Amino acid sequence: MLSDLAAHGEAITHETLDELSPSPAADYIREILVRTAILEPRNEYLDRVTLWVDQYLADVSGEPARVLRAYAQWYLLHKARRRKDPLMRPTTDRIRTQVRVAHEFMTFIEDRGYTLNTVGQDLVDNWLTQGTSRESEIRSFLHWAGQRGLTTGVVAPARKPGLPAAFLSEEEQLEQLHRCLTDDTIPVDLRAGGGLMLLYGLNLTRVLAISSNQLRQRSGDTYLMLGAHELLLPPVLADLMTQLPRPARGSTLSNVKIERRLLFPGRTPHRAIDPEHFANRLKQRGIRPRGGRNTALIQLASELPAAVLSDVLGIDIATATRWAGYAKRDWQGYLASRRETAQQF
């Protein structure tokens, strides 16, 4: 494949590779060219889903094509490009689902003689009853269409987050955390990632998006930047984090020196490892990422007010409040005592 590309005598670009049939060989050629600084690094997940949108909508015609293209390009992809964290596969998978569901909805109403301008809430409700997970996927489309005057007064209800079901016992949590911090037979990236989830309840996608510029050294201590907050890491976990990223095994490609290096890279230093693959590696070592994360969060939420939890972990206040509710703790007394203490000083 590389010989064929070179035989054309033209410069090889990302666009040239995009025109090839998707395959591991094409991906590897792109990796070679990026790692050898022939091609500039790019956000691979974002560029792939952008290409997918063009290919998917090529088979759609008429009004649905115009509306769906605007929705995908100027809302879903625009929002994805503005993200501060590296885009990962779960996000792009959801973009694909949202485009498909919006197309399905437009086909449904068109088959019944309606347009976005004439569809009513009763037809939306009828369509929602035919699926199990459509509310969360069509909600953004109806919101976007309503803001632009394409629909009138039609909405999809917000899905309420389900109660977390996977938890570890305190003994299991401590045993798995101890193994992450002390077991040298476990790869260092699994020990560091597992330790962050088991200690602080960080979700896996967020852990895998951590980059080298989020680690700060000061007065012999190591801090992890989460949002605007510096989280002091225990020395053992800090030592694991400073050993990342782990060297690539069996690669003949040189490592490109970049300022913002991902600590959990995949095949290239610019793209995080696939979360599902990383989770499976943890499970093979007896570490349960979902249960460990939930247990850590419920423990923290039982000890910290939601506002403090939100600040320390850099998570949304609504998420922190929800977990405080799971922990069934009332922090009104704590806040009142803080106000009294502040007044004394």
C-alpha atoms as a PDB file:
ATOM      1  CA  MET A   1       0.000   0.000   0.000  1.00  0.00           C
ATOM      2  CA  LEU A   2       2.828   2.383   0.862  1.00  0.00           C
ATOM      3  CA  SER A   3       4.545   1.546  -2.441  1.00  0.00           C
ATOM      4  CA  ASP A   4       1.349   2.312  -4.362  1.00  0.00           C
ATOM      5  CA  LEU A   5       1.011   5.661  -2.594  1.00  0.00           C
ATOM      6  CA  ALA A   6       4.606   6.557  -3.347  1.00  0.00           C
ATOM      7  CA  ALA A   7       4.276   5.480  -6.990  1.00  0.00           C
ATOM      8  CA  HIS A   8       1.740   8.234  -7.659  1.00  0.00           C
ATOM      9  CA  GLY A   9       4.489  10.801  -7.200  1.00  0.00           C
ATOM     10  CA  GLU A  10       2.266  13.142  -5.197  1.00  0.00           C
ATOM     11  CA  ALA A  11       2.630  14.280  -1.593  1.00  0.00           C
ATOM     12  CA  ILE A  12       0.905  11.909   0.834  1.00  0.00           C
ATOM     13  CA  THR A  13      -1.507  13.764   3.106  1.00  0.00           C
ATOM     14  CA  HIS A  14      -4.104  12.820   5.683  1.00  0.00           C
ATOM     15  CA  GLU A  15      -6.726  13.405   2.999  1.00  0.00           C
ATOM     16  CA  THR A  16      -4.931  10.926   0.715  1.00  0.00           C
ATOM     17  CA  LEU A  17      -5.088   8.278   3.424  1.00  0.00           C
ATOM     18  CA  ASP A  18      -8.730   9.098   4.160  1.00  0.00           C
ATOM     19  CA  GLU A  19      -9.562   8.109   0.593  1.00  0.00           C
ATOM     20  CA  LEU A  20      -8.242   4.579   1.150  1.00  0.00           C
ATOM     21  CA  SER A  21     -10.530   1.815   2.342  1.00  0.00           C
ATOM     22  CA  PRO A  22     -10.413   1.733   6.173  1.00  0.00           C
ATOM     23  CA  SER A  23      -8.025  -1.016   7.281  1.00  0.00           C
ATOM     24  CA  PRO A  24      -5.324  -1.752   9.873  1.00  0.00           C
ATOM     25  CA  ALA A  25      -2.736  -1.321   7.094  1.00  0.00           C
ATOM     26  CA  ALA A  26      -3.940   2.210   6.304  1.00  0.00           C
ATOM     27  CA  ASP A  27      -3.978   3.054  10.018  1.00  0.00           C
ATOM     28  CA  TYR A  28      -0.431   1.779  10.434  1.00  0.00           C
ATOM     29  CA  ILE A  29       0.861   3.765   7.458  1.00  0.00           C
ATOM     30  CA  ARG A  30      -0.682   6.892   8.973  1.00  0.00           C
ATOM     31  CA  GLU A  31       0.993   6.045  12.291  1.00  0.00           C
ATOM     32  CA  ILE A  32       4.389   5.656  10.583  1.00  0.00           C
ATOM     33  CA  LEU A  33       4.051   9.012   8.834  1.00  0.00           C
ATOM     34  CA  VAL A  34       2.955  10.802  12.023  1.00  0.00           C
ATOM     35  CA  ARG A  35       5.614   9.201  14.207  1.00  0.00           C
ATOM     36  CA  THR A  36       8.336  10.156  11.697  1.00  0.00           C
ATOM     37  CA  ALA A  37       7.022  13.759  11.543  1.00  0.00           C
ATOM     38  CA  ILE A  38       6.129  13.478   7.832  1.00  0.00           C
ATOM     39  CA  LEU A  39       2.483  14.169   8.677  1.00  0.00           C
ATOM     40  CA  GLU A  40       1.238  16.507  11.393  1.00  0.00           C
ATOM     41  CA  PRO A  41      -0.561  14.855  14.333  1.00  0.00           C
ATOM     42  CA  ARG A  42      -4.325  15.217  14.230  1.00  0.00           C
ATOM     43  CA  ASN A  43      -7.267  14.329  16.427  1.00  0.00           C
ATOM     44  CA  GLU A  44      -7.833  10.963  14.812  1.00  0.00           C
ATOM     45  CA  TYR A  45     -11.171  10.161  16.435  1.00  0.00           C
ATOM     46  CA  LEU A  46     -12.586  13.567  15.478  1.00  0.00           C
ATOM     47  CA  ASP A  47     -11.339  13.412  11.905  1.00  0.00           C
ATOM     48  CA  ARG A  48     -12.650   9.890  11.451  1.00  0.00           C
ATOM     49  CA  VAL A  49     -16.138  10.760  12.649  1.00  0.00           C
ATOM     50  CA  THR A  50     -16.117  13.865  10.434  1.00  0.00           C
ATOM     51  CA  LEU A  51     -15.336  11.665   7.439  1.00  0.00           C
ATOM     52  CA  TRP A  52     -18.022   9.199   8.558  1.00  0.00           C
ATOM     53  CA  VAL A  53     -20.653  11.971   8.616  1.00  0.00           C
ATOM     54  CA  ASP A  54     -19.848  12.871   4.994  1.00  0.00           C
ATOM     55  CA  GLN A  55     -20.029   9.249   3.900  1.00  0.00           C
ATOM     56  CA  TYR A  56     -23.239   8.538   5.834  1.00  0.00           C
ATOM     57  CA  LEU A  57     -25.092  11.603   4.534  1.00  0.00           C
ATOM     58  CA  ALA A  58     -24.002  10.904   0.944  1.00  0.00           C
ATOM     59  CA  ASP A  59     -26.856   8.375   0.812  1.00  0.00           C
ATOM     60  CA  VAL A  60     -29.431  10.805   2.298  1.00  0.00           C
ATOM     61  CA  SER A  61     -31.279  13.232   0.046  1.00  0.00           C
ATOM     62  CA  GLY A  62     -33.727  16.121   0.199  1.00  0.00           C
ATOM     63  CA  GLU A  63     -34.635  18.057   3.339  1.00  0.00           C
ATOM     64  CA  PRO A  64     -33.316  15.387   5.777  1.00  0.00           C
ATOM     65  CA  ALA A  65     -29.848  15.644   4.215  1.00  0.00           C
ATOM     66  CA  ARG A  66     -29.753  19.438   4.617  1.00  0.00           C
ATOM     67  CA  VAL A  67     -30.998  19.360   8.212  1.00  0.00           C
ATOM     68  CA  LEU A  68     -28.849  16.434   9.334  1.00  0.00           C
ATOM     69  CA  ARG A  69     -25.710  17.928   7.815  1.00  0.00           C
ATOM     70  CA  ALA A  70     -26.278  21.214   9.640  1.00  0.00           C
ATOM     71  CA  TYR A  71     -27.016  19.364  12.888  1.00  0.00           C
ATOM     72  CA  ALA A  72     -23.901  17.187  12.600  1.00  0.00           C
ATOM     73  CA  GLN A  73     -21.483  19.845  11.342  1.00  0.00           C
ATOM     74  CA  TRP A  74     -22.540  22.920  13.277  1.00  0.00           C
ATOM     75  CA  TYR A  75     -23.725  21.364  16.518  1.00  0.00           C
ATOM     76  CA  LEU A  76     -22.328  17.893  17.273  1.00  0.00           C
ATOM     77  CA  LEU A  77     -18.916  18.243  15.610  1.00  0.00           C
ATOM     78  CA  HIS A  78     -18.569  21.907  16.544  1.00  0.00           C
ATOM     79  CA  LYS A  79     -19.112  21.008  20.199  1.00  0.00           C
ATOM     80  CA  ALA A  80     -16.624  18.132  19.911  1.00  0.00           C
ATOM     81  CA  ARG A  81     -13.942  20.443  18.487  1.00  0.00           C
ATOM     82  CA  ARG A  82     -14.339  22.846  21.398  1.00  0.00           C
ATOM     83  CA  ARG A  83     -13.605  20.175  24.001  1.00  0.00           C
ATOM     84  CA  LYS A  84     -10.481  20.816  26.045  1.00  0.00           C
ATOM     85  CA  ASP A  85      -9.833  17.140  26.715  1.00  0.00           C
ATOM     86  CA  PRO A  86      -8.705  14.800  23.913  1.00  0.00           C
ATOM     87  CA  LEU A  87     -11.652  13.300  22.063  1.00  0.00           C
ATOM     88  CA  MET A  88     -12.014   9.570  22.666  1.00  0.00           C
ATOM     89  CA  ARG A  89     -13.930   6.776  20.986  1.00  0.00           C
ATOM     90  CA  PRO A  90     -17.010   6.718  23.264  1.00  0.00           C
ATOM     91  CA  THR A  91     -17.739  10.354  22.352  1.00  0.00           C
ATOM     92  CA  THR A  92     -17.439   9.785  18.621  1.00  0.00           C
ATOM     93  CA  ASP A  93     -19.476   6.593  18.862  1.00  0.00           C
ATOM     94  CA  ARG A  94     -22.251   8.627  20.438  1.00  0.00           C
ATOM     95  CA  ILE A  95     -22.066  11.262  17.676  1.00  0.00           C
ATOM     96  CA  ARG A  96     -22.637   8.502  15.140  1.00  0.00           C
ATOM     97  CA  THR A  97     -25.604   7.220  17.145  1.00  0.00           C
ATOM     98  CA  GLN A  98     -27.121  10.696  17.462  1.00  0.00           C
ATOM     99  CA  VAL A  99     -26.912  11.263  13.700  1.00  0.00           C
ATOM    100  CA  ARG A 100     -28.463   7.863  12.970  1.00  0.00           C
ATOM    101  CA  VAL A 101     -31.286   8.388  15.478  1.00  0.00           C
ATOM    102  CA  ALA A 102     -32.058  11.868  14.106  1.00  0.00           C
ATOM    103  CA  HIS A 103     -32.204  10.375  10.608  1.00  0.00           C
ATOM    104  CA  GLU A 104     -34.466   7.605  11.849  1.00  0.00           C
ATOM    105  CA  PHE A 105     -36.785  10.157  13.458  1.00  0.00           C
ATOM    106  CA  MET A 106     -36.985  12.306  10.320  1.00  0.00           C
ATOM    107  CA  THR A 107     -37.760   9.234   8.217  1.00  0.00           C
ATOM    108  CA  PHE A 108     -40.478   8.232  10.699  1.00  0.00           C
ATOM    109  CA  ILE A 109     -42.318  11.559  10.525  1.00  0.00           C
ATOM    110  CA  GLU A 110     -41.806  11.909   6.760  1.00  0.00           C
ATOM    111  CA  ASP A 111     -43.394   8.493   6.165  1.00  0.00           C
ATOM    112  CA  ARG A 112     -46.464   9.756   8.025  1.00  0.00           C
ATOM    113  CA  GLY A 113     -46.762  12.947   6.005  1.00  0.00           C
ATOM    114  CA  TYR A 114     -45.188  15.334   8.516  1.00  0.00           C
ATOM    115  CA  THR A 115     -42.197  17.666   8.503  1.00  0.00           C
ATOM    116  CA  LEU A 116     -40.217  19.153  11.380  1.00  0.00           C
ATOM    117  CA  ASN A 117     -42.410  22.266  11.097  1.00  0.00           C
ATOM    118  CA  THR A 118     -45.665  20.309  11.469  1.00  0.00           C
ATOM    119  CA  VAL A 119     -44.758  17.454  13.793  1.00  0.00           C
ATOM    120  CA  GLY A 120     -46.502  17.504  17.171  1.00  0.00           C
ATOM    121  CA  GLN A 121     -45.591  16.192  20.595  1.00  0.00           C
ATOM    122  CA  ASP A 122     -48.020  13.268  20.257  1.00  0.00           C
ATOM    123  CA  LEU A 123     -46.067  11.896  17.282  1.00  0.00           C
ATOM    124  CA  VAL A 124     -42.764  12.407  19.102  1.00  0.00           C
ATOM    125  CA  ASP A 125     -44.139  10.510  22.104  1.00  0.00           C
ATOM    126  CA  ASN A 126     -45.379   7.745  19.820  1.00  0.00           C
ATOM    127  CA  TRP A 127     -41.918   7.402  18.286  1.00  0.00           C
ATOM    128  CA  LEU A 128     -40.236   7.373  21.692  1.00  0.00           C
ATOM    129  CA  THR A 129     -42.387   4.482  22.903  1.00  0.00           C
ATOM    130  CA  GLN A 130     -40.974   2.290  20.141  1.00  0.00           C
ATOM    131  CA  GLY A 131     -37.410   2.404  21.471  1.00  0.00           C
ATOM    132  CA  THR A 132     -35.636   1.957  24.786  1.00  0.00           C
ATOM    133  CA  SER A 133     -32.802   4.479  24.673  1.00  0.00           C
ATOM    134  CA  ARG A 134     -33.976   7.128  22.222  1.00  0.00           C
ATOM    135  CA  GLU A 135     -34.741   9.904  24.704  1.00  0.00           C
ATOM    136  CA  SER A 136     -31.115  10.757  25.392  1.00  0.00           C
ATOM    137  CA  GLU A 137     -30.094  10.485  21.733  1.00  0.00           C
ATOM    138  CA  ILE A 138     -32.924  12.522  20.147  1.00  0.00           C
ATOM    139  CA  ARG A 139     -33.149  15.122  22.901  1.00  0.00           C
ATOM    140  CA  SER A 140     -30.230  17.196  21.610  1.00  0.00           C
ATOM    141  CA  PHE A 141     -31.589  17.113  18.043  1.00  0.00           C
ATOM    142  CA  LEU A 142     -35.032  18.379  19.093  1.00  0.00           C
ATOM    143  CA  HIS A 143     -33.421  21.045  21.290  1.00  0.00           C
ATOM    144  CA  TRP A 144     -31.197  22.169  18.403  1.00  0.00           C
ATOM    145  CA  ALA A 145     -34.111  22.153  15.938  1.00  0.00           C
ATOM    146  CA  GLY A 146     -36.308  24.132  18.338  1.00  0.00           C
ATOM    147  CA  GLN A 147     -33.649  26.813  18.844  1.00  0.00           C
ATOM    148  CA  ARG A 148     -33.521  27.327  15.084  1.00  0.00           C
ATOM    149  CA  GLY A 149     -37.269  27.459  14.621  1.00  0.00           C
ATOM    150  CA  LEU A 150     -37.406  24.149  12.750  1.00  0.00           C
ATOM    151  CA  THR A 151     -39.820  22.672  15.318  1.00  0.00           C
ATOM    152  CA  THR A 152     -42.416  24.155  17.625  1.00  0.00           C
ATOM    153  CA  GLY A 153     -42.871  22.972  21.191  1.00  0.00           C
ATOM    154  CA  VAL A 154     -41.690  19.377  20.811  1.00  0.00           C
ATOM    155  CA  VAL A 155     -39.212  17.880  23.282  1.00  0.00           C
ATOM    156  CA  ALA A 156     -37.886  14.580  24.538  1.00  0.00           C
ATOM    157  CA  PRO A 157     -37.759  14.091  28.306  1.00  0.00           C
ATOM    158  CA  ALA A 158     -34.385  14.079  29.995  1.00  0.00           C
ATOM    159  CA  ARG A 159     -33.333  10.628  31.095  1.00  0.00           C
ATOM    160  CA  LYS A 160     -32.775  10.342  34.834  1.00  0.00           C
ATOM    161  CA  PRO A 161     -29.463   8.684  35.673  1.00  0.00           C
ATOM    162  CA  GLY A 162     -29.972   5.196  37.003  1.00  0.00           C
ATOM    163  CA  LEU A 163     -28.684   4.212  40.394  1.00  0.00           C
ATOM    164  CA  PRO A 164     -25.167   2.751  40.285  1.00  0.00           C
ATOM    165  CA  ALA A 165     -25.282  -0.999  40.704  1.00  0.00           C
ATOM    166  CA  ALA A 166     -21.640  -2.157  40.685  1.00  0.00           C
ATOM    167  CA  PHE A 167     -19.798  -1.738  43.987  1.00  0.00           C
ATOM    168  CA  LEU A 168     -16.934  -3.384  45.857  1.00  0.00           C
ATOM    169  CA  SER A 169     -16.871  -4.215  49.526  1.00  0.00           C
ATOM    170  CA  GLU A 170     -14.439  -2.211  51.644  1.00  0.00           C
ATOM    171  CA  GLU A 171     -12.160  -5.255  51.841  1.00  0.00           C
ATOM    172  CA  GLU A 172     -12.187  -5.729  48.051  1.00  0.00           C
ATOM    173  CA  GLN A 173     -11.533  -2.039  47.495  1.00  0.00           C
ATOM    174  CA  LEU A 174      -8.519  -2.006  49.808  1.00  0.00           C
ATOM    175  CA  GLU A 175      -7.148  -5.272  48.407  1.00  0.00           C
ATOM    176  CA  GLN A 176      -7.337  -4.051  44.809  1.00  0.00           C
ATOM    177  CA  LEU A 177      -5.868  -0.664  45.726  1.00  0.00           C
ATOM    178  CA  HIS A 178      -3.020  -2.371  47.618  1.00  0.00           C
ATOM    179  CA  ARG A 179      -2.247  -4.476  44.536  1.00  0.00           C
ATOM    180  CA  CYS A 180      -2.215  -1.404  42.298  1.00  0.00           C
ATOM    181  CA  LEU A 181       0.228   0.387  44.566  1.00  0.00           C
ATOM    182  CA  THR A 182       2.576  -2.511  45.390  1.00  0.00           C
ATOM    183  CA  ASP A 183       2.311  -5.383  42.861  1.00  0.00           C
ATOM    184  CA  ASP A 184       5.279  -5.081  40.480  1.00  0.00           C
ATOM    185  CA  THR A 185       3.928  -7.890  38.282  1.00  0.00           C
ATOM    186  CA  ILE A 186       1.114  -5.579  37.064  1.00  0.00           C
ATOM    187  CA  PRO A 187       2.077  -3.162  34.237  1.00  0.00           C
ATOM    188  CA  VAL A 188       2.707   0.339  35.534  1.00  0.00           C
ATOM    189  CA  ASP A 189      -0.027   1.971  33.430  1.00  0.00           C
ATOM    190  CA  LEU A 190      -2.640  -0.405  34.889  1.00  0.00           C
ATOM    191  CA  ARG A 191      -1.374   0.259  38.416  1.00  0.00           C
ATOM    192  CA  ALA A 192      -1.497   4.041  37.948  1.00  0.00           C
ATOM    193  CA  GLY A 193      -4.884   4.107  36.191  1.00  0.00           C
ATOM    194  CA  GLY A 194      -6.430   1.629  38.606  1.00  0.00           C
ATOM    195  CA  GLY A 195      -5.053   3.567  41.563  1.00  0.00           C
ATOM    196  CA  LEU A 196      -6.647   6.821  40.379  1.00  0.00           C
ATOM    197  CA  MET A 197     -10.044   5.165  39.983  1.00  0.00           C
ATOM    198  CA  LEU A 198      -9.892   3.251  43.264  1.00  0.00           C
ATOM    199  CA  LEU A 199      -8.720   6.272  45.282  1.00  0.00           C
ATOM    200  CA  TYR A 200     -10.607   9.174  43.718  1.00  0.00           C
ATOM    201  CA  GLY A 201     -13.472   7.657  41.739  1.00  0.00           C
ATOM    202  CA  LEU A 202     -12.294   9.164  38.436  1.00  0.00           C
ATOM    203  CA  ASN A 203     -14.031   7.581  35.461  1.00  0.00           C
ATOM    204  CA  LEU A 204     -11.893   5.616  33.033  1.00  0.00           C
ATOM    205  CA  THR A 205     -12.301   7.962  30.075  1.00  0.00           C
ATOM    206  CA  ARG A 206     -11.075  10.874  32.168  1.00  0.00           C
ATOM    207  CA  VAL A 207      -8.104   8.918  33.508  1.00  0.00           C
ATOM    208  CA  LEU A 208      -6.985   7.951  30.012  1.00  0.00           C
ATOM    209  CA  ALA A 209      -7.145  11.591  28.866  1.00  0.00           C
ATOM    210  CA  ILE A 210      -4.562  12.733  31.466  1.00  0.00           C
ATOM    211  CA  SER A 211      -1.506  14.318  29.887  1.00  0.00           C
ATOM    212  CA  SER A 212       1.971  15.114  31.160  1.00  0.00           C
ATOM    213  CA  ASN A 213       1.234  18.822  31.632  1.00  0.00           C
ATOM    214  CA  GLN A 214      -1.354  17.937  34.303  1.00  0.00           C
ATOM    215  CA  LEU A 215       1.392  16.698  36.643  1.00  0.00           C
ATOM    216  CA  ARG A 216       3.036  19.430  38.718  1.00  0.00           C
ATOM    217  CA  GLN A 217       6.088  19.059  40.961  1.00  0.00           C
ATOM    218  CA  ARG A 218       6.480  21.393  43.922  1.00  0.00           C
ATOM    219  CA  SER A 219       8.557  21.113  47.134  1.00  0.00           C
ATOM    220  CA  GLY A 220       9.048  17.389  46.613  1.00  0.00           C
ATOM    221  CA  ASP A 221       5.325  16.722  46.150  1.00  0.00           C
ATOM    222  CA  THR A 222       3.434  15.736  43.001  1.00  0.00           C
ATOM    223  CA  TYR A 223       0.072  17.275  42.153  1.00  0.00           C
ATOM    224  CA  LEU A 224      -2.463  16.247  39.517  1.00  0.00           C
ATOM    225  CA  MET A 225      -4.402  19.103  37.936  1.00  0.00           C
ATOM    226  CA  LEU A 226      -8.115  18.253  37.749  1.00  0.00           C
ATOM    227  CA  GLY A 227      -9.916  21.238  36.304  1.00  0.00           C
ATOM    228  CA  ALA A 228      -8.690  24.234  38.319  1.00  0.00           C
ATOM    229  CA  HIS A 229      -7.808  22.153  41.389  1.00  0.00           C
ATOM    230  CA  GLU A 230      -4.427  20.628  42.280  1.00  0.00           C
ATOM    231  CA  LEU A 231      -4.867  17.166  43.792  1.00  0.00           C
ATOM    232  CA  LEU A 232      -1.941  16.077  45.975  1.00  0.00           C
ATOM    233  CA  LEU A 233      -0.993  12.505  45.061  1.00  0.00           C
ATOM    234  CA  PRO A 234       0.276   9.990  47.641  1.00  0.00           C
ATOM    235  CA  PRO A 235       4.003   9.339  47.060  1.00  0.00           C
ATOM    236  CA  VAL A 236       3.567   5.769  45.805  1.00  0.00           C
ATOM    237  CA  LEU A 237       0.898   6.752  43.278  1.00  0.00           C
ATOM    238  CA  ALA A 238       2.925   9.839  42.295  1.00  0.00           C
ATOM    239  CA  ASP A 239       5.909   7.596  41.557  1.00  0.00           C
ATOM    240  CA  LEU A 240       3.745   5.428  39.281  1.00  0.00           C
ATOM    241  CA  MET A 241       2.424   8.471  37.434  1.00  0.00           C
ATOM    242  CA  THR A 242       5.926   9.832  36.796  1.00  0.00           C
ATOM    243  CA  GLN A 243       6.862   6.520  35.120  1.00  0.00           C
ATOM    244  CA  LEU A 244       4.245   7.128  32.422  1.00  0.00           C
ATOM    245  CA  PRO A 245       3.871   6.819  29.539  1.00  0.00           C
ATOM    246  CA  ARG A 246       5.288   3.315  29.513  1.00  0.00           C
ATOM    247  CA  PRO A 247       7.654   2.500  26.613  1.00  0.00           C
ATOM    248  CA  ALA A 248       5.992   0.992  23.558  1.00  0.00           C
ATOM    249  CA  ARG A 249       6.813  -2.683  23.183  1.00  0.00           C
ATOM    250  CA  GLY A 250       8.291  -4.023  19.992  1.00  0.00           C
ATOM    251  CA  SER A 251       7.916  -0.782  18.065  1.00  0.00           C
ATOM    252  CA  THR A 252      10.507   0.115  15.428  1.00  0.00           C
ATOM    253  CA  LEU A 253       9.184   3.677  15.274  1.00  0.00           C
ATOM    254  CA  SER A 254      10.859   6.574  16.997  1.00  0.00           C
ATOM    255  CA  ASN A 255       9.043   8.500  19.707  1.00  0.00           C
ATOM    256  CA  VAL A 256       8.089  12.022  18.735  1.00  0.00           C
ATOM    257  CA  LYS A 257       8.873  14.624  21.378  1.00  0.00           C
ATOM    258  CA  ILE A 258       5.730  16.599  22.066  1.00  0.00           C
ATOM    259  CA  GLU A 259       4.979  19.114  24.802  1.00  0.00           C
ATOM    260  CA  ARG A 260       1.604  17.679  25.817  1.00  0.00           C
ATOM    261  CA  ARG A 261       2.157  13.927  25.973  1.00  0.00           C
ATOM    262  CA  LEU A 262      -0.687  11.614  26.916  1.00  0.00           C
ATOM    263  CA  LEU A 263       0.233   9.399  29.859  1.00  0.00           C
ATOM    264  CA  PHE A 264      -1.947   6.538  28.599  1.00  0.00           C
ATOM    265  CA  PRO A 265      -1.332   6.571  24.831  1.00  0.00           C
ATOM    266  CA  GLY A 266      -2.561   4.022  22.343  1.00  0.00           C
ATOM    267  CA  ARG A 267      -0.580   3.061  19.268  1.00  0.00           C
ATOM    268  CA  THR A 268       0.409   6.667  18.735  1.00  0.00           C
ATOM    269  CA  PRO A 269       1.472   9.189  21.410  1.00  0.00           C
ATOM    270  CA  HIS A 270      -1.279  11.580  20.320  1.00  0.00           C
ATOM    271  CA  ARG A 271      -4.259   9.289  20.867  1.00  0.00           C
ATOM    272  CA  ALA A 272      -5.339   7.706  24.157  1.00  0.00           C
ATOM    273  CA  ILE A 273      -5.664   3.968  24.465  1.00  0.00           C
ATOM    274  CA  ASP A 274      -9.137   2.579  23.830  1.00  0.00           C
ATOM    275  CA  PRO A 275     -11.102   2.587  27.140  1.00  0.00           C
ATOM    276  CA  GLU A 276     -12.659  -0.824  26.512  1.00  0.00           C
ATOM    277  CA  HIS A 277      -9.259  -2.366  25.857  1.00  0.00           C
ATOM    278  CA  PHE A 278      -7.795  -0.770  28.995  1.00  0.00           C
ATOM    279  CA  ALA A 279     -10.763  -1.916  31.106  1.00  0.00           C
ATOM    280  CA  ASN A 280     -10.356  -5.483  29.844  1.00  0.00           C
ATOM    281  CA  ARG A 281      -6.680  -5.430  30.781  1.00  0.00           C
ATOM    282  CA  LEU A 282      -7.633  -4.311  34.300  1.00  0.00           C
ATOM    283  CA  LYS A 283     -10.232  -7.070  34.604  1.00  0.00           C
ATOM    284  CA  GLN A 284      -7.704  -9.675  33.494  1.00  0.00           C
ATOM    285  CA  ARG A 285      -5.630  -8.618  36.508  1.00  0.00           C
ATOM    286  CA  GLY A 286      -8.613  -8.929  38.840  1.00  0.00           C
ATOM    287  CA  ILE A 287      -9.240  -5.173  39.099  1.00  0.00           C
ATOM    288  CA  ARG A 288     -12.859  -4.103  38.582  1.00  0.00           C
ATOM    289  CA  PRO A 289     -12.835  -0.508  37.263  1.00  0.00           C
ATOM    290  CA  ARG A 290     -16.560   0.278  37.441  1.00  0.00           C
ATOM    291  CA  GLY A 291     -17.135  -1.184  40.879  1.00  0.00           C
ATOM    292  CA  GLY A 292     -13.942   0.384  42.210  1.00  0.00           C
ATOM    293  CA  ARG A 293     -14.825   3.811  40.868  1.00  0.00           C
ATOM    294  CA  ASN A 294     -18.360   3.690  42.295  1.00  0.00           C
ATOM    295  CA  THR A 295     -17.135   2.559  45.704  1.00  0.00           C
ATOM    296  CA  ALA A 296     -14.501   5.326  45.824  1.00  0.00           C
ATOM    297  CA  LEU A 297     -17.055   7.986  44.879  1.00  0.00           C
ATOM    298  CA  ILE A 298     -19.635   6.825  47.406  1.00  0.00           C
ATOM    299  CA  GLN A 299     -16.961   6.874  50.113  1.00  0.00           C
ATOM    300  CA  LEU A 300     -15.809  10.377  49.183  1.00  0.00           C
ATOM    301  CA  ALA A 301     -19.393  11.634  48.899  1.00  0.00           C
ATOM    302  CA  SER A 302     -20.121  10.345  52.408  1.00  0.00           C
ATOM    303  CA  GLU A 303     -17.193  12.353  53.797  1.00  0.00           C
ATOM    304  CA  LEU A 304     -17.220  15.580  51.745  1.00  0.00           C
ATOM    305  CA  PRO A 305     -19.914  18.143  50.903  1.00  0.00           C
ATOM    306  CA  ALA A 306     -20.975  18.100  47.259  1.00  0.00           C
ATOM    307  CA  ALA A 307     -19.406  21.513  46.599  1.00  0.00           C
ATOM    308  CA  VAL A 308     -16.056  20.367  47.987  1.00  0.00           C
ATOM    309  CA  LEU A 309     -16.213  17.055  46.098  1.00  0.00           C
ATOM    310  CA  SER A 310     -16.955  18.945  42.889  1.00  0.00           C
ATOM    311  CA  ASP A 311     -13.999  21.270  43.427  1.00  0.00           C
ATOM    312  CA  VAL A 312     -11.470  18.622  44.478  1.00  0.00           C
ATOM    313  CA  LEU A 313     -12.206  16.173  41.652  1.00  0.00           C
ATOM    314  CA  GLY A 314     -13.123  18.789  39.047  1.00  0.00           C
ATOM    315  CA  ILE A 315     -16.517  17.190  38.374  1.00  0.00           C
ATOM    316  CA  ASP A 316     -19.849  18.840  37.662  1.00  0.00           C
ATOM    317  CA  ILE A 317     -21.699  20.025  40.773  1.00  0.00           C
ATOM    318  CA  ALA A 318     -24.808  18.120  39.633  1.00  0.00           C
ATOM    319  CA  THR A 319     -22.785  14.894  39.564  1.00  0.00           C
ATOM    320  CA  ALA A 320     -21.312  15.584  42.986  1.00  0.00           C
ATOM    321  CA  THR A 321     -24.779  16.388  44.397  1.00  0.00           C
ATOM    322  CA  ARG A 322     -26.189  13.176  42.956  1.00  0.00           C
ATOM    323  CA  TRP A 323     -23.464  11.106  44.603  1.00  0.00           C
ATOM    324  CA  ALA A 324     -23.997  12.932  47.878  1.00  0.00           C
ATOM    325  CA  GLY A 325     -27.635  11.864  47.590  1.00  0.00           C
ATOM    326  CA  TYR A 326     -26.554   8.261  47.050  1.00  0.00           C
ATOM    327  CA  ALA A 327     -24.473   8.496  50.200  1.00  0.00           C
ATOM    328  CA  LYS A 328     -27.572   9.828  52.034  1.00  0.00           C
ATOM    329  CA  ARG A 329     -25.693  12.487  53.948  1.00  0.00           C
ATOM    330  CA  ASP A 330     -27.145  15.856  54.934  1.00  0.00           C
ATOM    331  CA  TRP A 331     -24.457  18.542  54.873  1.00  0.00           C
ATOM    332  CA  GLN A 332     -26.637  21.481  55.862  1.00  0.00           C
ATOM    333  CA  GLY A 333     -25.268  21.303  59.408  1.00  0.00           C
ATOM    334  CA  TYR A 334     -21.714  21.250  58.074  1.00  0.00           C
ATOM    335  CA  LEU A 335     -22.291  24.333  55.930  1.00  0.00           C
ATOM    336  CA  ALA A 336     -23.942  26.162  58.828  1.00  0.00           C
ATOM    337  CA  SER A 337     -20.976  25.415  61.092  1.00  0.00           C
ATOM    338  CA  ARG A 338     -18.580  26.637  58.392  1.00  0.00           C
ATOM    339  CA  ARG A 339     -20.489  29.927  58.177  1.00  0.00           C
ATOM    340  CA  GLU A 340     -20.355  30.329  61.976  1.00  0.00           C
ATOM    341  CA  THR A 341     -16.605  29.616  61.994  1.00  0.00           C
ATOM    342  CA  ALA A 342     -16.016  32.146  59.206  1.00  0.00           C
ATOM    343  CA  GLN A 343     -17.925  34.797  61.134  1.00  0.00           C
ATOM    344  CA  GLN A 344     -15.790  34.212  64.246  1.00  0.00           C
ATOM    345  CA  PHE A 345     -12.635  35.013  62.296  1.00  0.00           C
END
